[in-house]
Amino acid sequence: MIVFRDPMDVPRDFGPSVVAIGKFDGVHTGHRAVIDRARVDAAAAGARVVAVTFDRNPLAVLRPDLCPESLVGPEQKLRLLAEAGVDATLMLTFDETLAALPARAFVEHVLVGALAVRLVMVGSDFRFGRGGSGDPEFLRALGSELGFDVEVVDDVRAADAGRRVSSTWVRELLADGAVDNAARVLGRPHAVRAEVVHGLKRGRALGYPTANLAADLEGFVPADGVYAGWLVDHGARGGADALRSSIRYPAAISVGTNPTFDDVPVRQVEAYVLDETDLDLYGHVVDVQFVARIRGMQAFDGIDPLIAQMGQDVADVRAALG
């Protein structure tokens, strides 16, 4: 997938294109349904599929007091869009300048001028341009004038829950620790991504060495607790092994502040790779994928009951992963 950070980066002969516009936070099943439809239309028209999205939620600039925590970071989003089959992504920096751009100028400069758009796909609640003045009807009027079609995509609804698939729903599930249900809405296990850093090395002393994720990780961290999941090792950032194939390990994952010792000031994510005691992951970029919640976080009265529970946790994780 080609990544553009500015409309000026797009080659003059890049188009024609079928464009899907949105925040694409989480790239969930609803987003991928839109992308799948765009791929069909693009194939019929001999065009490329382009996602136009933003490096942050626009509310982070427009109404920071109302802005929710993102499900994925920018690099996670790009990787997920590539996996969904997008040919190119234009990831715009959403700042005061972009927020002030009139709706017509956005269409003329970005969609028509840079991407030579033939079809634009948006949701019914899509708004764009200064003050949110642009909506699907305004986009259709511009399409008639400037030579592109507009398709408003219906919501995808979960058959069993009867609810619209949305990033808000996924956030609610993750905040409750329901990572298995979140995976069904996302269409894949939820993950966080970060570099492995040195921690207090207490897990090693207890017989369960953990990979500690850096605090500036990408992705929404679910509720405190112990989870079954996977650690996907992508190798050292910029290192000689960065281009090798990723390796996936079964893992017991802990999220929280370590209440037994009460010496971790902020929530952290750490993962014990099952049956591995000499794995050196320091400096490696990893994805930690959440499959099932084993239990909530709790404080123990001493080391021995903690170690006993950790042994039970590992057995429960092994069973959950099959």
C-alpha atoms as a PDB file:
ATOM      1  CA  MET A   1       0.000   0.000   0.000  1.00  0.00           C
ATOM      2  CA  ILE A   2       1.220   3.478  -0.886  1.00  0.00           C
ATOM      3  CA  VAL A   3       1.074   6.066   1.907  1.00  0.00           C
ATOM      4  CA  PHE A   4       0.702   9.784   1.228  1.00  0.00           C
ATOM      5  CA  ARG A   5       0.894  12.353   4.007  1.00  0.00           C
ATOM      6  CA  ASP A   6      -0.084  15.382   1.930  1.00  0.00           C
ATOM      7  CA  PRO A   7      -2.092  15.873  -1.279  1.00  0.00           C
ATOM      8  CA  MET A   8       1.041  17.370  -2.823  1.00  0.00           C
ATOM      9  CA  ASP A   9       2.747  13.969  -2.431  1.00  0.00           C
ATOM     10  CA  VAL A  10       0.316  12.300  -4.854  1.00  0.00           C
ATOM     11  CA  PRO A  11       1.784  11.927  -8.376  1.00  0.00           C
ATOM     12  CA  ARG A  12      -0.073  13.793 -11.114  1.00  0.00           C
ATOM     13  CA  ASP A  13      -0.863  10.583 -12.982  1.00  0.00           C
ATOM     14  CA  PHE A  14      -2.034   8.668  -9.905  1.00  0.00           C
ATOM     15  CA  GLY A  15      -5.801   8.519 -10.622  1.00  0.00           C
ATOM     16  CA  PRO A  16      -8.494   7.629 -11.307  1.00  0.00           C
ATOM     17  CA  SER A  17      -9.573   6.518  -7.838  1.00  0.00           C
ATOM     18  CA  VAL A  18     -12.448   5.286  -5.733  1.00  0.00           C
ATOM     19  CA  VAL A  19     -12.170   7.065  -2.376  1.00  0.00           C
ATOM     20  CA  ALA A  20     -13.504   6.028   1.028  1.00  0.00           C
ATOM     21  CA  ILE A  21     -13.307   8.831   3.590  1.00  0.00           C
ATOM     22  CA  GLY A  22     -13.474   8.456   7.358  1.00  0.00           C
ATOM     23  CA  LYS A  23     -11.659   8.256  10.666  1.00  0.00           C
ATOM     24  CA  PHE A  24     -11.337   4.472  10.278  1.00  0.00           C
ATOM     25  CA  ASP A  25     -10.664   4.162  14.009  1.00  0.00           C
ATOM     26  CA  GLY A  26     -10.084   0.464  14.605  1.00  0.00           C
ATOM     27  CA  VAL A  27     -10.721  -0.486  10.956  1.00  0.00           C
ATOM     28  CA  HIS A  28     -13.597  -2.646  12.230  1.00  0.00           C
ATOM     29  CA  THR A  29     -15.991  -4.856  10.277  1.00  0.00           C
ATOM     30  CA  GLY A  30     -18.107  -1.861   9.261  1.00  0.00           C
ATOM     31  CA  HIS A  31     -15.088  -0.060   7.826  1.00  0.00           C
ATOM     32  CA  ARG A  32     -13.944  -3.160   5.977  1.00  0.00           C
ATOM     33  CA  ALA A  33     -17.407  -3.625   4.445  1.00  0.00           C
ATOM     34  CA  VAL A  34     -17.042  -0.148   2.927  1.00  0.00           C
ATOM     35  CA  ILE A  35     -13.546  -0.968   1.671  1.00  0.00           C
ATOM     36  CA  ASP A  36     -14.749  -4.253   0.144  1.00  0.00           C
ATOM     37  CA  ARG A  37     -17.454  -2.385  -1.784  1.00  0.00           C
ATOM     38  CA  ALA A  38     -14.906   0.201  -2.898  1.00  0.00           C
ATOM     39  CA  ARG A  39     -12.652  -2.582  -4.191  1.00  0.00           C
ATOM     40  CA  VAL A  40     -15.474  -4.023  -6.308  1.00  0.00           C
ATOM     41  CA  ASP A  41     -16.331  -0.607  -7.775  1.00  0.00           C
ATOM     42  CA  ALA A  42     -12.670   0.193  -8.378  1.00  0.00           C
ATOM     43  CA  ALA A  43     -12.081  -3.080 -10.201  1.00  0.00           C
ATOM     44  CA  ALA A  44     -15.036  -2.397 -12.496  1.00  0.00           C
ATOM     45  CA  ALA A  45     -13.797   1.116 -13.256  1.00  0.00           C
ATOM     46  CA  GLY A  46     -10.101   0.311 -13.554  1.00  0.00           C
ATOM     47  CA  ALA A  47      -9.398   2.636 -10.629  1.00  0.00           C
ATOM     48  CA  ARG A  48      -7.400   2.489  -7.416  1.00  0.00           C
ATOM     49  CA  VAL A  49      -8.931   2.196  -3.943  1.00  0.00           C
ATOM     50  CA  VAL A  50      -7.857   5.083  -1.724  1.00  0.00           C
ATOM     51  CA  ALA A  51      -8.636   5.654   1.947  1.00  0.00           C
ATOM     52  CA  VAL A  52      -8.616   9.295   3.013  1.00  0.00           C
ATOM     53  CA  THR A  53      -8.240   9.532   6.767  1.00  0.00           C
ATOM     54  CA  PHE A  54      -6.609  11.554   9.534  1.00  0.00           C
ATOM     55  CA  ASP A  55      -3.653  11.203  11.870  1.00  0.00           C
ATOM     56  CA  ARG A  56      -5.918  11.857  14.849  1.00  0.00           C
ATOM     57  CA  ASN A  57      -9.584  12.157  15.671  1.00  0.00           C
ATOM     58  CA  PRO A  58     -10.721  15.591  14.401  1.00  0.00           C
ATOM     59  CA  LEU A  59     -12.318  16.161  17.817  1.00  0.00           C
ATOM     60  CA  ALA A  60      -8.803  16.295  19.286  1.00  0.00           C
ATOM     61  CA  VAL A  61      -8.543  19.697  17.579  1.00  0.00           C
ATOM     62  CA  LEU A  62     -12.190  20.774  17.383  1.00  0.00           C
ATOM     63  CA  ARG A  63     -13.514  19.616  20.792  1.00  0.00           C
ATOM     64  CA  PRO A  64     -10.743  18.009  22.854  1.00  0.00           C
ATOM     65  CA  ASP A  65     -13.086  17.809  25.849  1.00  0.00           C
ATOM     66  CA  LEU A  66     -15.317  15.417  23.855  1.00  0.00           C
ATOM     67  CA  CYS A  67     -12.597  13.458  22.063  1.00  0.00           C
ATOM     68  CA  PRO A  68     -12.574   9.726  22.893  1.00  0.00           C
ATOM     69  CA  GLU A  69      -9.386   7.691  23.154  1.00  0.00           C
ATOM     70  CA  SER A  70      -8.481   6.175  19.802  1.00  0.00           C
ATOM     71  CA  LEU A  71      -8.678   2.407  19.315  1.00  0.00           C
ATOM     72  CA  VAL A  72      -5.537   2.385  17.168  1.00  0.00           C
ATOM     73  CA  GLY A  73      -2.574   4.647  16.554  1.00  0.00           C
ATOM     74  CA  PRO A  74      -1.661   6.045  13.137  1.00  0.00           C
ATOM     75  CA  GLU A  75       0.800   3.279  12.243  1.00  0.00           C
ATOM     76  CA  GLN A  76      -1.627   0.580  13.368  1.00  0.00           C
ATOM     77  CA  LYS A  77      -4.323   2.174  11.216  1.00  0.00           C
ATOM     78  CA  LEU A  78      -2.094   2.184   8.145  1.00  0.00           C
ATOM     79  CA  ARG A  79      -1.201  -1.466   8.609  1.00  0.00           C
ATOM     80  CA  LEU A  80      -4.858  -2.458   9.035  1.00  0.00           C
ATOM     81  CA  LEU A  81      -5.936  -0.505   5.956  1.00  0.00           C
ATOM     82  CA  ALA A  82      -3.228  -2.242   3.949  1.00  0.00           C
ATOM     83  CA  GLU A  83      -4.460  -5.621   5.181  1.00  0.00           C
ATOM     84  CA  ALA A  84      -8.013  -4.632   4.164  1.00  0.00           C
ATOM     85  CA  GLY A  85      -6.876  -4.273   0.557  1.00  0.00           C
ATOM     86  CA  VAL A  86      -6.555  -0.508   0.115  1.00  0.00           C
ATOM     87  CA  ASP A  87      -4.181   0.501  -2.695  1.00  0.00           C
ATOM     88  CA  ALA A  88      -3.212   3.803  -1.109  1.00  0.00           C
ATOM     89  CA  THR A  89      -3.962   5.861   1.982  1.00  0.00           C
ATOM     90  CA  LEU A  90      -3.827   9.625   2.196  1.00  0.00           C
ATOM     91  CA  MET A  91      -3.350  10.294   5.912  1.00  0.00           C
ATOM     92  CA  LEU A  92      -3.964  13.977   6.447  1.00  0.00           C
ATOM     93  CA  THR A  93      -2.634  15.864   9.451  1.00  0.00           C
ATOM     94  CA  PHE A  94      -5.738  17.229  11.140  1.00  0.00           C
ATOM     95  CA  ASP A  95      -4.724  20.622  12.471  1.00  0.00           C
ATOM     96  CA  GLU A  96      -6.203  24.115  12.635  1.00  0.00           C
ATOM     97  CA  THR A  97      -5.336  24.715   8.982  1.00  0.00           C
ATOM     98  CA  LEU A  98      -7.213  21.651   7.755  1.00  0.00           C
ATOM     99  CA  ALA A  99     -10.110  22.352  10.115  1.00  0.00           C
ATOM    100  CA  ALA A 100     -10.468  25.816   8.566  1.00  0.00           C
ATOM    101  CA  LEU A 101     -10.462  24.559   4.957  1.00  0.00           C
ATOM    102  CA  PRO A 102     -13.836  25.211   3.284  1.00  0.00           C
ATOM    103  CA  ALA A 103     -15.739  22.102   2.185  1.00  0.00           C
ATOM    104  CA  ARG A 104     -15.548  22.995  -1.504  1.00  0.00           C
ATOM    105  CA  ALA A 105     -11.795  23.601  -1.311  1.00  0.00           C
ATOM    106  CA  PHE A 106     -11.326  20.193   0.331  1.00  0.00           C
ATOM    107  CA  VAL A 107     -13.153  18.483  -2.526  1.00  0.00           C
ATOM    108  CA  GLU A 108     -11.406  20.448  -5.265  1.00  0.00           C
ATOM    109  CA  HIS A 109      -7.903  20.224  -3.787  1.00  0.00           C
ATOM    110  CA  VAL A 110      -7.869  16.752  -2.228  1.00  0.00           C
ATOM    111  CA  LEU A 111     -10.447  14.578  -3.963  1.00  0.00           C
ATOM    112  CA  VAL A 112     -10.463  15.983  -7.485  1.00  0.00           C
ATOM    113  CA  GLY A 113      -7.105  17.708  -7.833  1.00  0.00           C
ATOM    114  CA  ALA A 114      -4.890  15.133  -6.103  1.00  0.00           C
ATOM    115  CA  LEU A 115      -6.795  11.858  -6.424  1.00  0.00           C
ATOM    116  CA  ALA A 116      -8.811  12.288  -9.650  1.00  0.00           C
ATOM    117  CA  VAL A 117     -11.751  10.730  -7.835  1.00  0.00           C
ATOM    118  CA  ARG A 118     -14.523   8.945  -9.751  1.00  0.00           C
ATOM    119  CA  LEU A 119     -16.550   7.669  -6.785  1.00  0.00           C
ATOM    120  CA  VAL A 120     -16.602   8.831  -3.147  1.00  0.00           C
ATOM    121  CA  MET A 121     -17.948   6.539  -0.421  1.00  0.00           C
ATOM    122  CA  VAL A 122     -19.012   8.061   2.904  1.00  0.00           C
ATOM    123  CA  GLY A 123     -21.267   7.269   5.849  1.00  0.00           C
ATOM    124  CA  SER A 124     -24.599   8.996   6.331  1.00  0.00           C
ATOM    125  CA  ASP A 125     -23.218  11.051   9.233  1.00  0.00           C
ATOM    126  CA  PHE A 126     -20.141  12.237   7.312  1.00  0.00           C
ATOM    127  CA  ARG A 127     -19.298  15.924   7.749  1.00  0.00           C
ATOM    128  CA  PHE A 128     -16.353  17.816   6.352  1.00  0.00           C
ATOM    129  CA  GLY A 129     -15.018  21.297   5.748  1.00  0.00           C
ATOM    130  CA  ARG A 130     -14.923  24.354   7.981  1.00  0.00           C
ATOM    131  CA  GLY A 131     -17.556  24.149  10.677  1.00  0.00           C
ATOM    132  CA  GLY A 132     -18.739  20.783   9.335  1.00  0.00           C
ATOM    133  CA  SER A 133     -20.576  22.604   6.562  1.00  0.00           C
ATOM    134  CA  GLY A 134     -20.190  19.766   4.063  1.00  0.00           C
ATOM    135  CA  ASP A 135     -22.465  16.723   4.177  1.00  0.00           C
ATOM    136  CA  PRO A 136     -23.328  13.917   1.707  1.00  0.00           C
ATOM    137  CA  GLU A 137     -25.894  16.049  -0.147  1.00  0.00           C
ATOM    138  CA  PHE A 138     -23.403  18.879  -0.589  1.00  0.00           C
ATOM    139  CA  LEU A 139     -20.852  16.304  -1.769  1.00  0.00           C
ATOM    140  CA  ARG A 140     -23.364  14.967  -4.325  1.00  0.00           C
ATOM    141  CA  ALA A 141     -23.965  18.477  -5.657  1.00  0.00           C
ATOM    142  CA  LEU A 142     -20.236  18.988  -6.090  1.00  0.00           C
ATOM    143  CA  GLY A 143     -19.953  15.572  -7.717  1.00  0.00           C
ATOM    144  CA  SER A 144     -22.499  16.529 -10.368  1.00  0.00           C
ATOM    145  CA  GLU A 145     -20.496  19.662 -11.086  1.00  0.00           C
ATOM    146  CA  LEU A 146     -16.987  18.222 -10.911  1.00  0.00           C
ATOM    147  CA  GLY A 147     -17.530  14.783 -12.402  1.00  0.00           C
ATOM    148  CA  PHE A 148     -17.692  12.158  -9.652  1.00  0.00           C
ATOM    149  CA  ASP A 149     -20.372  10.029  -8.027  1.00  0.00           C
ATOM    150  CA  VAL A 150     -21.172   9.730  -4.329  1.00  0.00           C
ATOM    151  CA  GLU A 151     -22.352   6.606  -2.518  1.00  0.00           C
ATOM    152  CA  VAL A 152     -23.661   6.862   1.029  1.00  0.00           C
ATOM    153  CA  VAL A 153     -22.964   3.560   2.743  1.00  0.00           C
ATOM    154  CA  ASP A 154     -25.506   2.112   5.152  1.00  0.00           C
ATOM    155  CA  ASP A 155     -24.458   1.146   8.660  1.00  0.00           C
ATOM    156  CA  VAL A 156     -23.354  -2.416   9.313  1.00  0.00           C
ATOM    157  CA  ARG A 157     -25.323  -3.937  12.185  1.00  0.00           C
ATOM    158  CA  ALA A 158     -24.456  -6.927  14.338  1.00  0.00           C
ATOM    159  CA  ALA A 159     -27.093  -9.595  13.745  1.00  0.00           C
ATOM    160  CA  ASP A 160     -26.997 -10.969  17.292  1.00  0.00           C
ATOM    161  CA  ALA A 161     -26.869  -7.628  19.130  1.00  0.00           C
ATOM    162  CA  GLY A 162     -28.974  -5.580  16.713  1.00  0.00           C
ATOM    163  CA  ARG A 163     -26.552  -2.712  17.202  1.00  0.00           C
ATOM    164  CA  ARG A 164     -24.654  -0.555  14.718  1.00  0.00           C
ATOM    165  CA  VAL A 165     -21.014  -1.580  14.422  1.00  0.00           C
ATOM    166  CA  SER A 166     -18.973   1.375  15.638  1.00  0.00           C
ATOM    167  CA  SER A 167     -15.709   2.372  17.268  1.00  0.00           C
ATOM    168  CA  THR A 168     -17.717   3.576  20.277  1.00  0.00           C
ATOM    169  CA  TRP A 169     -19.105   0.080  20.821  1.00  0.00           C
ATOM    170  CA  VAL A 170     -15.641  -1.450  20.614  1.00  0.00           C
ATOM    171  CA  ARG A 171     -14.316   1.038  23.175  1.00  0.00           C
ATOM    172  CA  GLU A 172     -17.144   0.160  25.559  1.00  0.00           C
ATOM    173  CA  LEU A 173     -16.395  -3.553  25.268  1.00  0.00           C
ATOM    174  CA  LEU A 174     -12.663  -3.085  25.805  1.00  0.00           C
ATOM    175  CA  ALA A 175     -13.251  -0.807  28.802  1.00  0.00           C
ATOM    176  CA  ASP A 176     -15.251  -3.689  30.328  1.00  0.00           C
ATOM    177  CA  GLY A 177     -12.521  -6.217  29.509  1.00  0.00           C
ATOM    178  CA  ALA A 178     -14.785  -8.029  27.022  1.00  0.00           C
ATOM    179  CA  VAL A 179     -12.006  -8.506  24.491  1.00  0.00           C
ATOM    180  CA  ASP A 180     -13.641 -11.601  22.986  1.00  0.00           C
ATOM    181  CA  ASN A 181     -16.788  -9.629  22.113  1.00  0.00           C
ATOM    182  CA  ALA A 182     -14.678  -6.726  20.863  1.00  0.00           C
ATOM    183  CA  ALA A 183     -12.889  -9.139  18.532  1.00  0.00           C
ATOM    184  CA  ARG A 184     -16.205 -10.122  16.963  1.00  0.00           C
ATOM    185  CA  VAL A 185     -17.026  -6.486  16.218  1.00  0.00           C
ATOM    186  CA  LEU A 186     -13.517  -5.754  14.973  1.00  0.00           C
ATOM    187  CA  GLY A 187     -13.241  -8.961  12.975  1.00  0.00           C
ATOM    188  CA  ARG A 188      -9.883  -9.753  14.642  1.00  0.00           C
ATOM    189  CA  PRO A 189      -8.323  -9.666  18.132  1.00  0.00           C
ATOM    190  CA  HIS A 190      -7.727  -6.185  19.472  1.00  0.00           C
ATOM    191  CA  ALA A 191      -4.043  -5.345  19.839  1.00  0.00           C
ATOM    192  CA  VAL A 192      -1.654  -2.778  21.230  1.00  0.00           C
ATOM    193  CA  ARG A 193       1.758  -2.130  19.680  1.00  0.00           C
ATOM    194  CA  ALA A 194       4.954  -0.887  21.298  1.00  0.00           C
ATOM    195  CA  GLU A 195       8.641  -1.416  21.845  1.00  0.00           C
ATOM    196  CA  VAL A 196       9.685  -3.792  24.628  1.00  0.00           C
ATOM    197  CA  VAL A 197      11.536  -1.919  27.378  1.00  0.00           C
ATOM    198  CA  HIS A 198      13.233  -2.808  30.657  1.00  0.00           C
ATOM    199  CA  GLY A 199      10.977  -3.022  33.679  1.00  0.00           C
ATOM    200  CA  LEU A 200      11.478  -3.936  37.330  1.00  0.00           C
ATOM    201  CA  LYS A 201      12.299  -7.542  36.301  1.00  0.00           C
ATOM    202  CA  ARG A 202      10.056  -8.801  39.091  1.00  0.00           C
ATOM    203  CA  GLY A 203       8.413 -11.360  36.787  1.00  0.00           C
ATOM    204  CA  ARG A 204      11.778 -12.956  36.093  1.00  0.00           C
ATOM    205  CA  ALA A 205      12.452 -13.227  39.832  1.00  0.00           C
ATOM    206  CA  LEU A 206       9.079 -14.956  40.244  1.00  0.00           C
ATOM    207  CA  GLY A 207       9.759 -17.419  37.417  1.00  0.00           C
ATOM    208  CA  TYR A 208       7.590 -15.696  34.795  1.00  0.00           C
ATOM    209  CA  PRO A 209       9.725 -13.188  32.868  1.00  0.00           C
ATOM    210  CA  THR A 210       7.573 -10.637  31.060  1.00  0.00           C
ATOM    211  CA  ALA A 211       8.004  -8.346  28.093  1.00  0.00           C
ATOM    212  CA  ASN A 212       7.135  -4.855  29.318  1.00  0.00           C
ATOM    213  CA  LEU A 213       5.625  -2.527  26.724  1.00  0.00           C
ATOM    214  CA  ALA A 214       6.719   1.100  26.537  1.00  0.00           C
ATOM    215  CA  ALA A 215       4.260   3.607  27.973  1.00  0.00           C
ATOM    216  CA  ASP A 216       3.837   5.366  24.612  1.00  0.00           C
ATOM    217  CA  LEU A 217       2.193   2.342  23.031  1.00  0.00           C
ATOM    218  CA  GLU A 218      -0.335   2.524  20.205  1.00  0.00           C
ATOM    219  CA  GLY A 219      -3.824   1.201  20.782  1.00  0.00           C
ATOM    220  CA  PHE A 220      -6.591   1.288  23.374  1.00  0.00           C
ATOM    221  CA  VAL A 221      -5.581  -0.557  26.559  1.00  0.00           C
ATOM    222  CA  PRO A 222      -8.458  -2.723  27.856  1.00  0.00           C
ATOM    223  CA  ALA A 223      -9.591  -2.986  31.476  1.00  0.00           C
ATOM    224  CA  ASP A 224      -7.107  -4.070  34.137  1.00  0.00           C
ATOM    225  CA  GLY A 225      -6.745  -7.803  34.446  1.00  0.00           C
ATOM    226  CA  VAL A 226      -5.056 -10.918  33.129  1.00  0.00           C
ATOM    227  CA  TYR A 227      -5.691 -11.983  29.538  1.00  0.00           C
ATOM    228  CA  ALA A 228      -4.941 -14.836  27.196  1.00  0.00           C
ATOM    229  CA  GLY A 229      -3.498 -13.722  23.913  1.00  0.00           C
ATOM    230  CA  TRP A 230      -0.570 -13.575  21.566  1.00  0.00           C
ATOM    231  CA  LEU A 231       2.672 -11.654  21.380  1.00  0.00           C
ATOM    232  CA  VAL A 232       3.774 -10.989  17.810  1.00  0.00           C
ATOM    233  CA  ASP A 233       7.476 -10.133  17.576  1.00  0.00           C
ATOM    234  CA  HIS A 234       8.379  -7.877  14.628  1.00  0.00           C
ATOM    235  CA  GLY A 235      12.071  -7.617  15.511  1.00  0.00           C
ATOM    236  CA  ALA A 236      14.217  -4.681  16.559  1.00  0.00           C
ATOM    237  CA  ARG A 237      13.172  -1.281  15.245  1.00  0.00           C
ATOM    238  CA  GLY A 238      15.521  -0.514  12.373  1.00  0.00           C
ATOM    239  CA  GLY A 239      17.676  -3.498  13.280  1.00  0.00           C
ATOM    240  CA  ALA A 240      19.089  -6.174  11.016  1.00  0.00           C
ATOM    241  CA  ASP A 241      16.158  -8.491  11.771  1.00  0.00           C
ATOM    242  CA  ALA A 242      13.468  -5.845  11.160  1.00  0.00           C
ATOM    243  CA  LEU A 243      12.655  -7.323   7.733  1.00  0.00           C
ATOM    244  CA  ARG A 244      12.397 -10.919   8.883  1.00  0.00           C
ATOM    245  CA  SER A 245       9.075 -12.670   9.230  1.00  0.00           C
ATOM    246  CA  SER A 246       7.187 -11.883  12.420  1.00  0.00           C
ATOM    247  CA  ILE A 247       6.995 -14.595  15.065  1.00  0.00           C
ATOM    248  CA  ARG A 248       3.834 -15.195  17.092  1.00  0.00           C
ATOM    249  CA  TYR A 249       3.963 -16.609  20.629  1.00  0.00           C
ATOM    250  CA  PRO A 250       1.149 -17.609  23.013  1.00  0.00           C
ATOM    251  CA  ALA A 251       1.156 -15.256  25.988  1.00  0.00           C
ATOM    252  CA  ALA A 252      -0.338 -14.472  29.374  1.00  0.00           C
ATOM    253  CA  ILE A 253      -0.931 -10.711  29.425  1.00  0.00           C
ATOM    254  CA  SER A 254      -1.207  -8.479  32.466  1.00  0.00           C
ATOM    255  CA  VAL A 255      -2.741  -5.001  32.407  1.00  0.00           C
ATOM    256  CA  GLY A 256      -2.643  -2.794  35.487  1.00  0.00           C
ATOM    257  CA  THR A 257      -0.475  -1.255  38.195  1.00  0.00           C
ATOM    258  CA  ASN A 258       0.701  -4.380  40.064  1.00  0.00           C
ATOM    259  CA  PRO A 259      -1.399  -3.877  43.233  1.00  0.00           C
ATOM    260  CA  THR A 260       0.400  -6.614  45.223  1.00  0.00           C
ATOM    261  CA  PHE A 261       3.581  -4.528  45.313  1.00  0.00           C
ATOM    262  CA  ASP A 262       1.930  -1.128  44.785  1.00  0.00           C
ATOM    263  CA  ASP A 263       5.037   0.373  43.172  1.00  0.00           C
ATOM    264  CA  VAL A 264       3.923   0.883  39.563  1.00  0.00           C
ATOM    265  CA  PRO A 265       2.636   4.477  39.211  1.00  0.00           C
ATOM    266  CA  VAL A 266       0.892   4.063  35.832  1.00  0.00           C
ATOM    267  CA  ARG A 267      -0.986   1.271  34.094  1.00  0.00           C
ATOM    268  CA  GLN A 268       1.297  -1.000  32.127  1.00  0.00           C
ATOM    269  CA  VAL A 269       0.961  -3.872  29.697  1.00  0.00           C
ATOM    270  CA  GLU A 270       3.298  -6.821  30.082  1.00  0.00           C
ATOM    271  CA  ALA A 271       3.257 -10.269  28.515  1.00  0.00           C
ATOM    272  CA  TYR A 272       4.737 -13.589  29.588  1.00  0.00           C
ATOM    273  CA  VAL A 273       5.460 -15.810  26.596  1.00  0.00           C
ATOM    274  CA  LEU A 274       4.401 -19.306  27.641  1.00  0.00           C
ATOM    275  CA  ASP A 275       7.257 -21.726  28.336  1.00  0.00           C
ATOM    276  CA  GLU A 276       9.932 -19.169  27.370  1.00  0.00           C
ATOM    277  CA  THR A 277      12.414 -18.003  30.012  1.00  0.00           C
ATOM    278  CA  ASP A 278      15.392 -16.846  27.909  1.00  0.00           C
ATOM    279  CA  LEU A 279      13.638 -14.900  25.139  1.00  0.00           C
ATOM    280  CA  ASP A 280      15.361 -11.539  24.591  1.00  0.00           C
ATOM    281  CA  LEU A 281      12.818  -9.066  23.219  1.00  0.00           C
ATOM    282  CA  TYR A 282      14.341  -5.812  24.471  1.00  0.00           C
ATOM    283  CA  GLY A 283      14.198  -3.150  21.781  1.00  0.00           C
ATOM    284  CA  HIS A 284      11.822  -5.231  19.648  1.00  0.00           C
ATOM    285  CA  VAL A 285       8.526  -3.872  18.348  1.00  0.00           C
ATOM    286  CA  VAL A 286       5.678  -6.215  19.283  1.00  0.00           C
ATOM    287  CA  ASP A 287       1.934  -6.476  18.949  1.00  0.00           C
ATOM    288  CA  VAL A 288       0.106  -7.830  21.983  1.00  0.00           C
ATOM    289  CA  GLN A 289      -3.224  -9.313  20.897  1.00  0.00           C
ATOM    290  CA  PHE A 290      -6.024  -9.869  23.434  1.00  0.00           C
ATOM    291  CA  VAL A 291      -8.107 -13.040  23.001  1.00  0.00           C
ATOM    292  CA  ALA A 292      -9.911 -13.660  26.306  1.00  0.00           C
ATOM    293  CA  ARG A 293     -10.022 -12.199  29.807  1.00  0.00           C
ATOM    294  CA  ILE A 294      -8.941 -14.672  32.459  1.00  0.00           C
ATOM    295  CA  ARG A 295      -9.627 -12.620  35.571  1.00  0.00           C
ATOM    296  CA  GLY A 296      -9.602  -9.120  37.004  1.00  0.00           C
ATOM    297  CA  MET A 297      -6.607  -7.549  38.707  1.00  0.00           C
ATOM    298  CA  GLN A 298      -6.210  -8.172  42.417  1.00  0.00           C
ATOM    299  CA  ALA A 299      -3.726  -7.712  45.248  1.00  0.00           C
ATOM    300  CA  PHE A 300      -2.310 -10.798  47.004  1.00  0.00           C
ATOM    301  CA  ASP A 301      -1.208 -11.195  50.604  1.00  0.00           C
ATOM    302  CA  GLY A 302       2.401 -12.118  49.924  1.00  0.00           C
ATOM    303  CA  ILE A 303       4.596 -13.704  47.258  1.00  0.00           C
ATOM    304  CA  ASP A 304       3.515 -17.339  47.625  1.00  0.00           C
ATOM    305  CA  PRO A 305      -0.190 -16.847  46.840  1.00  0.00           C
ATOM    306  CA  LEU A 306       0.807 -14.576  43.946  1.00  0.00           C
ATOM    307  CA  ILE A 307       3.070 -17.242  42.436  1.00  0.00           C
ATOM    308  CA  ALA A 308       0.369 -19.871  42.902  1.00  0.00           C
ATOM    309  CA  GLN A 309      -2.150 -17.666  41.089  1.00  0.00           C
ATOM    310  CA  MET A 310       0.315 -16.967  38.287  1.00  0.00           C
ATOM    311  CA  GLY A 311       0.683 -20.702  37.775  1.00  0.00           C
ATOM    312  CA  GLN A 312      -3.099 -21.043  37.567  1.00  0.00           C
ATOM    313  CA  ASP A 313      -3.277 -18.070  35.197  1.00  0.00           C
ATOM    314  CA  VAL A 314      -0.827 -19.727  32.820  1.00  0.00           C
ATOM    315  CA  ALA A 315      -2.871 -22.932  32.871  1.00  0.00           C
ATOM    316  CA  ASP A 316      -6.049 -20.949  32.172  1.00  0.00           C
ATOM    317  CA  VAL A 317      -4.366 -19.035  29.342  1.00  0.00           C
ATOM    318  CA  ARG A 318      -3.156 -22.275  27.784  1.00  0.00           C
ATOM    319  CA  ALA A 319      -6.690 -23.670  27.897  1.00  0.00           C
ATOM    320  CA  ALA A 320      -8.208 -20.469  26.461  1.00  0.00           C
ATOM    321  CA  LEU A 321      -5.814 -20.508  23.510  1.00  0.00           C
ATOM    322  CA  GLY A 322      -6.479 -24.176  22.850  1.00  0.00           C
END
